[in-house]
Amino acid sequence: AGAASADAVRGLGDRLVDAGLAVPAGARSGIASGVRQVQSA
């Protein structure tokens, strides 16, 4: 748990997002939230 939340791993994730290889956290939550909102609609 400690290693997974460390700066080194967060930096790795940020670099992958910048390279377009990882899904940004905002995109993951945005799509999921959008789907739920359309279902509610």
Full PDB file with SEQRES, HELIX, SHEET, SSBOND, CRYST1, ORIGX, SCALE, CONECT and MASTER records, all heavy atoms in Angstrom:
SEQRES   1 A   41  ALA GLY ALA ALA SER ALA ASP ALA VAL ARG GLY LEU GLY          
SEQRES   2 A   41  ASP ARG LEU VAL ASP ALA GLY LEU ALA VAL PRO ALA GLY          
SEQRES   3 A   41  ALA ARG SER GLY ILE ALA SER GLY VAL ARG GLN VAL GLN          
SEQRES   4 A   41  SER ALA                                                      
HELIX    1 AA1 ASP A    7  ASP A   18  1                                  12    
HELIX    2 AA2 ALA A   25  SER A   40  1                                  16    
CRYST1    1.000    1.000    1.000  90.00  90.00  90.00 P 1           1          
ORIGX1      1.000000  0.000000  0.000000        0.00000                         
ORIGX2      0.000000  1.000000  0.000000        0.00000                         
ORIGX3      0.000000  0.000000  1.000000        0.00000                         
SCALE1      1.000000  0.000000  0.000000        0.00000                         
SCALE2      0.000000  1.000000  0.000000        0.00000                         
SCALE3      0.000000  0.000000  1.000000        0.00000                         
ATOM      1  N   ALA A   1       0.825  -1.206   0.000  1.00  0.00           N  
ATOM      2  CA  ALA A   1       0.000   0.000   0.000  1.00  0.00           C  
ATOM      3  C   ALA A   1       0.862   1.259   0.000  1.00  0.00           C  
ATOM      4  O   ALA A   1       0.571   2.223  -0.716  1.00  0.00           O  
ATOM      5  CB  ALA A   1      -0.925  -0.014   1.211  1.00  0.00           C  
ATOM      6  N   GLY A   2       1.936   1.256   0.792  1.00  0.00           N  
ATOM      7  CA  GLY A   2       2.800   2.429   0.853  1.00  0.00           C  
ATOM      8  C   GLY A   2       3.525   2.692  -0.444  1.00  0.00           C  
ATOM      9  O   GLY A   2       3.636   3.836  -0.899  1.00  0.00           O  
ATOM     10  N   ALA A   3       4.021   1.631  -1.070  1.00  0.00           N  
ATOM     11  CA  ALA A   3       4.725   1.803  -2.342  1.00  0.00           C  
ATOM     12  C   ALA A   3       3.775   2.267  -3.438  1.00  0.00           C  
ATOM     13  O   ALA A   3       4.126   3.093  -4.279  1.00  0.00           O  
ATOM     14  CB  ALA A   3       5.404   0.488  -2.738  1.00  0.00           C  
ATOM     15  N   ALA A   4       2.555   1.745  -3.442  1.00  0.00           N  
ATOM     16  CA  ALA A   4       1.591   2.099  -4.485  1.00  0.00           C  
ATOM     17  C   ALA A   4       1.198   3.566  -4.419  1.00  0.00           C  
ATOM     18  O   ALA A   4       0.840   4.157  -5.446  1.00  0.00           O  
ATOM     19  CB  ALA A   4       0.351   1.216  -4.370  1.00  0.00           C  
ATOM     20  N   SER A   5       1.240   4.160  -3.245  1.00  0.00           N  
ATOM     21  CA  SER A   5       0.838   5.560  -3.095  1.00  0.00           C  
ATOM     22  C   SER A   5       2.025   6.517  -3.098  1.00  0.00           C  
ATOM     23  O   SER A   5       1.848   7.710  -2.868  1.00  0.00           O  
ATOM     24  CB  SER A   5       0.055   5.736  -1.788  1.00  0.00           C  
ATOM     25  OG  SER A   5       0.857   5.383  -0.666  1.00  0.00           O  
ATOM     26  N   ALA A   6       3.213   6.015  -3.380  1.00  0.00           N  
ATOM     27  CA  ALA A   6       4.424   6.839  -3.327  1.00  0.00           C  
ATOM     28  C   ALA A   6       4.524   7.753  -4.553  1.00  0.00           C  
ATOM     29  O   ALA A   6       3.881   7.531  -5.579  1.00  0.00           O  
ATOM     30  CB  ALA A   6       5.659   5.949  -3.238  1.00  0.00           C  
ATOM     31  N   ASP A   7       5.358   8.778  -4.423  1.00  0.00           N  
ATOM     32  CA  ASP A   7       5.528   9.752  -5.508  1.00  0.00           C  
ATOM     33  C   ASP A   7       6.057   9.095  -6.776  1.00  0.00           C  
ATOM     34  O   ASP A   7       5.691   9.505  -7.882  1.00  0.00           O  
ATOM     35  CB  ASP A   7       6.485  10.861  -5.059  1.00  0.00           C  
ATOM     36  CG  ASP A   7       5.887  11.746  -3.980  1.00  0.00           C  
ATOM     37  OD1 ASP A   7       4.638  11.775  -3.866  1.00  0.00           O  
ATOM     38  OD2 ASP A   7       6.652  12.410  -3.260  1.00  0.00           O  
ATOM     39  N   ALA A   8       6.927   8.097  -6.634  1.00  0.00           N  
ATOM     40  CA  ALA A   8       7.512   7.457  -7.806  1.00  0.00           C  
ATOM     41  C   ALA A   8       6.438   6.803  -8.666  1.00  0.00           C  
ATOM     42  O   ALA A   8       6.466   6.908  -9.899  1.00  0.00           O  
ATOM     43  CB  ALA A   8       8.556   6.418  -7.372  1.00  0.00           C  
ATOM     44  N   VAL A   9       5.491   6.140  -8.047  1.00  0.00           N  
ATOM     45  CA  VAL A   9       4.432   5.468  -8.800  1.00  0.00           C  
ATOM     46  C   VAL A   9       3.454   6.494  -9.374  1.00  0.00           C  
ATOM     47  O   VAL A   9       2.985   6.358 -10.510  1.00  0.00           O  
ATOM     48  CB  VAL A   9       3.706   4.448  -7.911  1.00  0.00           C  
ATOM     49  CG1 VAL A   9       2.586   3.762  -8.683  1.00  0.00           C  
ATOM     50  CG2 VAL A   9       4.692   3.406  -7.391  1.00  0.00           C  
ATOM     51  N   ARG A  10       3.152   7.529  -8.608  1.00  0.00           N  
ATOM     52  CA  ARG A  10       2.284   8.585  -9.142  1.00  0.00           C  
ATOM     53  C   ARG A  10       2.933   9.263 -10.340  1.00  0.00           C  
ATOM     54  O   ARG A  10       2.264   9.579 -11.337  1.00  0.00           O  
ATOM     55  CB  ARG A  10       1.968   9.615  -8.056  1.00  0.00           C  
ATOM     56  CG  ARG A  10       0.946   9.135  -7.039  1.00  0.00           C  
ATOM     57  CD  ARG A  10       0.359  10.312  -6.279  1.00  0.00           C  
ATOM     58  NE  ARG A  10       1.377  11.003  -5.505  1.00  0.00           N  
ATOM     59  CZ  ARG A  10       1.677  10.712  -4.241  1.00  0.00           C  
ATOM     60  NH1 ARG A  10       1.028   9.740  -3.614  1.00  0.00           N  
ATOM     61  NH2 ARG A  10       2.603  11.384  -3.595  1.00  0.00           N  
ATOM     62  N   GLY A  11       4.244   9.487 -10.254  1.00  0.00           N  
ATOM     63  CA  GLY A  11       4.953  10.091 -11.384  1.00  0.00           C  
ATOM     64  C   GLY A  11       4.924   9.198 -12.613  1.00  0.00           C  
ATOM     65  O   GLY A  11       4.784   9.675 -13.747  1.00  0.00           O  
ATOM     66  N   LEU A  12       5.052   7.890 -12.394  1.00  0.00           N  
ATOM     67  CA  LEU A  12       4.960   6.940 -13.499  1.00  0.00           C  
ATOM     68  C   LEU A  12       3.599   7.035 -14.173  1.00  0.00           C  
ATOM     69  O   LEU A  12       3.498   7.078 -15.412  1.00  0.00           O  
ATOM     70  CB  LEU A  12       5.196   5.527 -12.979  1.00  0.00           C  
ATOM     71  CG  LEU A  12       4.989   4.376 -13.969  1.00  0.00           C  
ATOM     72  CD1 LEU A  12       6.040   4.430 -15.072  1.00  0.00           C  
ATOM     73  CD2 LEU A  12       5.048   3.034 -13.242  1.00  0.00           C  
ATOM     74  N   GLY A  13       2.538   7.083 -13.378  1.00  0.00           N  
ATOM     75  CA  GLY A  13       1.202   7.210 -13.935  1.00  0.00           C  
ATOM     76  C   GLY A  13       1.017   8.515 -14.696  1.00  0.00           C  
ATOM     77  O   GLY A  13       0.400   8.530 -15.771  1.00  0.00           O  
ATOM     78  N   ASP A  14       1.552   9.606 -14.169  1.00  0.00           N  
ATOM     79  CA  ASP A  14       1.430  10.902 -14.848  1.00  0.00           C  
ATOM     80  C   ASP A  14       2.130  10.873 -16.200  1.00  0.00           C  
ATOM     81  O   ASP A  14       1.616  11.435 -17.180  1.00  0.00           O  
ATOM     82  CB  ASP A  14       2.021  12.013 -13.972  1.00  0.00           C  
ATOM     83  CG  ASP A  14       1.196  12.283 -12.729  1.00  0.00           C  
ATOM     84  OD1 ASP A  14       0.009  11.887 -12.706  1.00  0.00           O  
ATOM     85  OD2 ASP A  14       1.735  12.864 -11.767  1.00  0.00           O  
ATOM     86  N   ARG A  15       3.295  10.240 -16.257  1.00  0.00           N  
ATOM     87  CA  ARG A  15       4.013  10.165 -17.539  1.00  0.00           C  
ATOM     88  C   ARG A  15       3.234   9.341 -18.560  1.00  0.00           C  
ATOM     89  O   ARG A  15       3.215   9.667 -19.753  1.00  0.00           O  
ATOM     90  CB  ARG A  15       5.409   9.571 -17.317  1.00  0.00           C  
ATOM     91  CG  ARG A  15       6.356  10.487 -16.550  1.00  0.00           C  
ATOM     92  CD  ARG A  15       7.786   9.991 -16.596  1.00  0.00           C  
ATOM     93  NE  ARG A  15       7.953   8.700 -15.933  1.00  0.00           N  
ATOM     94  CZ  ARG A  15       8.213   8.557 -14.630  1.00  0.00           C  
ATOM     95  NH1 ARG A  15       8.298   9.636 -13.856  1.00  0.00           N  
ATOM     96  NH2 ARG A  15       8.386   7.366 -14.099  1.00  0.00           N  
ATOM     97  N   LEU A  16       2.598   8.279 -18.112  1.00  0.00           N  
ATOM     98  CA  LEU A  16       1.796   7.462 -19.026  1.00  0.00           C  
ATOM     99  C   LEU A  16       0.562   8.216 -19.508  1.00  0.00           C  
ATOM    100  O   LEU A  16       0.151   8.079 -20.667  1.00  0.00           O  
ATOM    101  CB  LEU A  16       1.390   6.157 -18.335  1.00  0.00           C  
ATOM    102  CG  LEU A  16       2.526   5.150 -18.117  1.00  0.00           C  
ATOM    103  CD1 LEU A  16       2.068   4.002 -17.221  1.00  0.00           C  
ATOM    104  CD2 LEU A  16       3.027   4.611 -19.448  1.00  0.00           C  
ATOM    105  N   VAL A  17      -0.029   9.015 -18.630  1.00  0.00           N  
ATOM    106  CA  VAL A  17      -1.167   9.843 -19.043  1.00  0.00           C  
ATOM    107  C   VAL A  17      -0.710  10.869 -20.078  1.00  0.00           C  
ATOM    108  O   VAL A  17      -1.380  11.085 -21.102  1.00  0.00           O  
ATOM    109  CB  VAL A  17      -1.796  10.541 -17.819  1.00  0.00           C  
ATOM    110  CG1 VAL A  17      -2.792  11.604 -18.269  1.00  0.00           C  
ATOM    111  CG2 VAL A  17      -2.484   9.524 -16.923  1.00  0.00           C  
ATOM    112  N   ASP A  18       0.433  11.500 -19.837  1.00  0.00           N  
ATOM    113  CA  ASP A  18       0.958  12.487 -20.779  1.00  0.00           C  
ATOM    114  C   ASP A  18       1.259  11.866 -22.133  1.00  0.00           C  
ATOM    115  O   ASP A  18       1.135  12.526 -23.174  1.00  0.00           O  
ATOM    116  CB  ASP A  18       2.223  13.139 -20.213  1.00  0.00           C  
ATOM    117  CG  ASP A  18       1.943  14.016 -19.004  1.00  0.00           C  
ATOM    118  OD1 ASP A  18       0.781  14.437 -18.830  1.00  0.00           O  
ATOM    119  OD2 ASP A  18       2.879  14.270 -18.219  1.00  0.00           O  
ATOM    120  N   ALA A  19       1.660  10.593 -22.136  1.00  0.00           N  
ATOM    121  CA  ALA A  19       1.954   9.893 -23.385  1.00  0.00           C  
ATOM    122  C   ALA A  19       0.700   9.368 -24.072  1.00  0.00           C  
ATOM    123  O   ALA A  19       0.775   8.801 -25.160  1.00  0.00           O  
ATOM    124  CB  ALA A  19       2.921   8.735 -23.120  1.00  0.00           C  
ATOM    125  N   GLY A  20      -0.465   9.527 -23.429  1.00  0.00           N  
ATOM    126  CA  GLY A  20      -1.709   9.061 -24.007  1.00  0.00           C  
ATOM    127  C   GLY A  20      -1.936   7.575 -23.855  1.00  0.00           C  
ATOM    128  O   GLY A  20      -2.810   6.996 -24.505  1.00  0.00           O  
ATOM    129  N   LEU A  21      -1.185   6.926 -22.970  1.00  0.00           N  
ATOM    130  CA  LEU A  21      -1.279   5.475 -22.805  1.00  0.00           C  
ATOM    131  C   LEU A  21      -2.137   5.081 -21.608  1.00  0.00           C  
ATOM    132  O   LEU A  21      -2.650   3.962 -21.566  1.00  0.00           O  
ATOM    133  CB  LEU A  21       0.121   4.867 -22.656  1.00  0.00           C  
ATOM    134  CG  LEU A  21       1.070   5.113 -23.831  1.00  0.00           C  
ATOM    135  CD1 LEU A  21       2.438   4.531 -23.533  1.00  0.00           C  
ATOM    136  CD2 LEU A  21       0.502   4.525 -25.110  1.00  0.00           C  
ATOM    137  N   ALA A  22      -2.272   5.959 -20.643  1.00  0.00           N  
ATOM    138  CA  ALA A  22      -3.093   5.693 -19.462  1.00  0.00           C  
ATOM    139  C   ALA A  22      -4.299   6.620 -19.469  1.00  0.00           C  
ATOM    140  O   ALA A  22      -4.253   7.738 -19.997  1.00  0.00           O  
ATOM    141  CB  ALA A  22      -2.289   5.881 -18.178  1.00  0.00           C  
ATOM    142  N   VAL A  23      -5.384   6.138 -18.902  1.00  0.00           N  
ATOM    143  CA  VAL A  23      -6.613   6.933 -18.833  1.00  0.00           C  
ATOM    144  C   VAL A  23      -6.500   7.905 -17.667  1.00  0.00           C  
ATOM    145  O   VAL A  23      -6.273   7.479 -16.529  1.00  0.00           O  
ATOM    146  CB  VAL A  23      -7.838   6.018 -18.640  1.00  0.00           C  
ATOM    147  CG1 VAL A  23      -9.112   6.842 -18.575  1.00  0.00           C  
ATOM    148  CG2 VAL A  23      -7.923   5.000 -19.775  1.00  0.00           C  
ATOM    149  N   PRO A  24      -6.639   9.213 -17.903  1.00  0.00           N  
ATOM    150  CA  PRO A  24      -6.602  10.165 -16.786  1.00  0.00           C  
ATOM    151  C   PRO A  24      -7.699   9.862 -15.782  1.00  0.00           C  
ATOM    152  O   PRO A  24      -8.787   9.400 -16.145  1.00  0.00           O  
ATOM    153  CB  PRO A  24      -6.824  11.518 -17.465  1.00  0.00           C  
ATOM    154  CG  PRO A  24      -6.495  11.297 -18.907  1.00  0.00           C  
ATOM    155  CD  PRO A  24      -6.846   9.875 -19.195  1.00  0.00           C  
ATOM    156  N   ALA A  25      -7.401  10.126 -14.528  1.00  0.00           N  
ATOM    157  CA  ALA A  25      -8.388   9.859 -13.481  1.00  0.00           C  
ATOM    158  C   ALA A  25      -9.679  10.620 -13.747  1.00  0.00           C  
ATOM    159  O   ALA A  25     -10.775  10.108 -13.527  1.00  0.00           O  
ATOM    160  CB  ALA A  25      -7.808  10.237 -12.116  1.00  0.00           C  
ATOM    161  N   GLY A  26      -9.575  11.854 -14.229  1.00  0.00           N  
ATOM    162  CA  GLY A  26     -10.766  12.632 -14.520  1.00  0.00           C  
ATOM    163  C   GLY A  26     -11.607  12.019 -15.619  1.00  0.00           C  
ATOM    164  O   GLY A  26     -12.833  12.058 -15.578  1.00  0.00           O  
ATOM    165  N   ALA A  27     -10.937  11.429 -16.627  1.00  0.00           N  
ATOM    166  CA  ALA A  27     -11.680  10.800 -17.721  1.00  0.00           C  
ATOM    167  C   ALA A  27     -12.409   9.562 -17.239  1.00  0.00           C  
ATOM    168  O   ALA A  27     -13.548   9.301 -17.623  1.00  0.00           O  
ATOM    169  CB  ALA A  27     -10.723  10.451 -18.870  1.00  0.00           C  
ATOM    170  N   ARG A  28     -11.728   8.763 -16.375  1.00  0.00           N  
ATOM    171  CA  ARG A  28     -12.381   7.559 -15.849  1.00  0.00           C  
ATOM    172  C   ARG A  28     -13.630   7.928 -15.067  1.00  0.00           C  
ATOM    173  O   ARG A  28     -14.703   7.362 -15.268  1.00  0.00           O  
ATOM    174  CB  ARG A  28     -11.404   6.787 -14.949  1.00  0.00           C  
ATOM    175  CG  ARG A  28     -10.269   6.118 -15.671  1.00  0.00           C  
ATOM    176  CD  ARG A  28      -9.604   5.093 -14.781  1.00  0.00           C  
ATOM    177  NE  ARG A  28      -9.017   5.687 -13.590  1.00  0.00           N  
ATOM    178  CZ  ARG A  28      -7.773   6.124 -13.505  1.00  0.00           C  
ATOM    179  NH1 ARG A  28      -6.974   6.039 -14.549  1.00  0.00           N  
ATOM    180  NH2 ARG A  28      -7.302   6.635 -12.393  1.00  0.00           N  
ATOM    181  N   SER A  29     -13.504   8.883 -14.161  1.00  0.00           N  
ATOM    182  CA  SER A  29     -14.642   9.261 -13.337  1.00  0.00           C  
ATOM    183  C   SER A  29     -15.692  10.004 -14.153  1.00  0.00           C  
ATOM    184  O   SER A  29     -16.895   9.873 -13.912  1.00  0.00           O  
ATOM    185  CB  SER A  29     -14.177  10.121 -12.154  1.00  0.00           C  
ATOM    186  OG  SER A  29     -13.534  11.303 -12.622  1.00  0.00           O  
ATOM    187  N   GLY A  30     -15.239  10.803 -15.145  1.00  0.00           N  
ATOM    188  CA  GLY A  30     -16.178  11.564 -15.954  1.00  0.00           C  
ATOM    189  C   GLY A  30     -17.070  10.677 -16.796  1.00  0.00           C  
ATOM    190  O   GLY A  30     -18.288  10.896 -16.889  1.00  0.00           O  
ATOM    191  N   ILE A  31     -16.496   9.653 -17.424  1.00  0.00           N  
ATOM    192  CA  ILE A  31     -17.294   8.747 -18.246  1.00  0.00           C  
ATOM    193  C   ILE A  31     -18.257   7.949 -17.376  1.00  0.00           C  
ATOM    194  O   ILE A  31     -19.433   7.796 -17.699  1.00  0.00           O  
ATOM    195  CB  ILE A  31     -16.369   7.815 -19.048  1.00  0.00           C  
ATOM    196  CG1 ILE A  31     -15.626   8.621 -20.126  1.00  0.00           C  
ATOM    197  CG2 ILE A  31     -17.167   6.688 -19.690  1.00  0.00           C  
ATOM    198  CD1 ILE A  31     -14.607   7.823 -20.893  1.00  0.00           C  
ATOM    199  N   ALA A  32     -17.747   7.429 -16.259  1.00  0.00           N  
ATOM    200  CA  ALA A  32     -18.606   6.645 -15.369  1.00  0.00           C  
ATOM    201  C   ALA A  32     -19.748   7.492 -14.831  1.00  0.00           C  
ATOM    202  O   ALA A  32     -20.911   7.056 -14.787  1.00  0.00           O  
ATOM    203  CB  ALA A  32     -17.783   6.069 -14.217  1.00  0.00           C  
ATOM    204  N   SER A  33     -19.435   8.723 -14.430  1.00  0.00           N  
ATOM    205  CA  SER A  33     -20.477   9.612 -13.915  1.00  0.00           C  
ATOM    206  C   SER A  33     -21.474   9.980 -15.008  1.00  0.00           C  
ATOM    207  O   SER A  33     -22.687  10.057 -14.773  1.00  0.00           O  
ATOM    208  CB  SER A  33     -19.838  10.873 -13.335  1.00  0.00           C  
ATOM    209  OG  SER A  33     -20.818  11.780 -12.893  1.00  0.00           O  
ATOM    210  N   GLY A  34     -20.969  10.193 -16.242  1.00  0.00           N  
ATOM    211  CA  GLY A  34     -21.847  10.520 -17.340  1.00  0.00           C  
ATOM    212  C   GLY A  34     -22.818   9.395 -17.680  1.00  0.00           C  
ATOM    213  O   GLY A  34     -23.997   9.632 -17.946  1.00  0.00           O  
ATOM    214  N   VAL A  35     -22.315   8.161 -17.659  1.00  0.00           N  
ATOM    215  CA  VAL A  35     -23.177   7.013 -17.925  1.00  0.00           C  
ATOM    216  C   VAL A  35     -24.264   6.908 -16.859  1.00  0.00           C  
ATOM    217  O   VAL A  35     -25.441   6.669 -17.163  1.00  0.00           O  
ATOM    218  CB  VAL A  35     -22.346   5.714 -17.995  1.00  0.00           C  
ATOM    219  CG1 VAL A  35     -23.251   4.487 -17.985  1.00  0.00           C  
ATOM    220  CG2 VAL A  35     -21.475   5.716 -19.238  1.00  0.00           C  
ATOM    221  N   ARG A  36     -23.874   7.083 -15.597  1.00  0.00           N  
ATOM    222  CA  ARG A  36     -24.871   7.021 -14.516  1.00  0.00           C  
ATOM    223  C   ARG A  36     -25.917   8.108 -14.673  1.00  0.00           C  
ATOM    224  O   ARG A  36     -27.113   7.882 -14.415  1.00  0.00           O  
ATOM    225  CB  ARG A  36     -24.179   7.127 -13.156  1.00  0.00           C  
ATOM    226  CG  ARG A  36     -23.382   5.878 -12.765  1.00  0.00           C  
ATOM    227  CD  ARG A  36     -23.004   5.940 -11.299  1.00  0.00           C  
ATOM    228  NE  ARG A  36     -22.147   7.080 -11.005  1.00  0.00           N  
ATOM    229  CZ  ARG A  36     -20.822   7.041 -11.041  1.00  0.00           C  
ATOM    230  NH1 ARG A  36     -20.201   5.918 -11.378  1.00  0.00           N  
ATOM    231  NH2 ARG A  36     -20.101   8.114 -10.746  1.00  0.00           N  
ATOM    232  N   GLN A  37     -25.498   9.295 -15.096  1.00  0.00           N  
ATOM    233  CA  GLN A  37     -26.453  10.392 -15.243  1.00  0.00           C  
ATOM    234  C   GLN A  37     -27.427  10.112 -16.381  1.00  0.00           C  
ATOM    235  O   GLN A  37     -28.629  10.411 -16.265  1.00  0.00           O  
ATOM    236  CB  GLN A  37     -25.707  11.704 -15.507  1.00  0.00           C  
ATOM    237  CG  GLN A  37     -26.609  12.926 -15.479  1.00  0.00           C  
ATOM    238  CD  GLN A  37     -25.833  14.227 -15.501  1.00  0.00           C  
ATOM    239  OE1 GLN A  37     -24.615  14.237 -15.428  1.00  0.00           O  
ATOM    240  NE2 GLN A  37     -26.546  15.336 -15.614  1.00  0.00           N  
ATOM    241  N   VAL A  38     -26.949   9.534 -17.489  1.00  0.00           N  
ATOM    242  CA  VAL A  38     -27.855   9.205 -18.593  1.00  0.00           C  
ATOM    243  C   VAL A  38     -28.817   8.099 -18.167  1.00  0.00           C  
ATOM    244  O   VAL A  38     -30.005   8.123 -18.530  1.00  0.00           O  
ATOM    245  CB  VAL A  38     -27.051   8.788 -19.838  1.00  0.00           C  
ATOM    246  CG1 VAL A  38     -27.989   8.301 -20.945  1.00  0.00           C  
ATOM    247  CG2 VAL A  38     -26.224   9.961 -20.355  1.00  0.00           C  
ATOM    248  N   GLN A  39     -28.326   7.133 -17.401  1.00  0.00           N  
ATOM    249  CA  GLN A  39     -29.222   6.092 -16.898  1.00  0.00           C  
ATOM    250  C   GLN A  39     -30.309   6.688 -16.012  1.00  0.00           C  
ATOM    251  O   GLN A  39     -31.491   6.321 -16.120  1.00  0.00           O  
ATOM    252  CB  GLN A  39     -28.405   5.051 -16.118  1.00  0.00           C  
ATOM    253  CG  GLN A  39     -27.499   4.206 -16.990  1.00  0.00           C  
ATOM    254  CD  GLN A  39     -26.562   3.331 -16.192  1.00  0.00           C  
ATOM    255  OE1 GLN A  39     -26.283   3.614 -15.016  1.00  0.00           O  
ATOM    256  NE2 GLN A  39     -26.057   2.269 -16.790  1.00  0.00           N  
ATOM    257  N   SER A  40     -29.915   7.621 -15.150  1.00  0.00           N  
ATOM    258  CA  SER A  40     -30.906   8.284 -14.289  1.00  0.00           C  
ATOM    259  C   SER A  40     -31.890   9.101 -15.115  1.00  0.00           C  
ATOM    260  O   SER A  40     -33.087   9.159 -14.801  1.00  0.00           O  
ATOM    261  CB  SER A  40     -30.196   9.188 -13.274  1.00  0.00           C  
ATOM    262  OG  SER A  40     -29.330   8.437 -12.440  1.00  0.00           O  
ATOM    263  N   ALA A  41     -31.384   9.732 -16.187  1.00  0.00           N  
ATOM    264  CA  ALA A  41     -32.263  10.510 -17.052  1.00  0.00           C  
ATOM    265  C   ALA A  41     -33.299   9.612 -17.725  1.00  0.00           C  
ATOM    266  O   ALA A  41     -34.463  10.004 -17.883  1.00  0.00           O  
ATOM    267  CB  ALA A  41     -31.444  11.260 -18.101  1.00  0.00           C  
TER     268      ALA A  41                                                      
MASTER        0    0    0    2    0    0    0    6  267    1    0    4          
END                                                                             
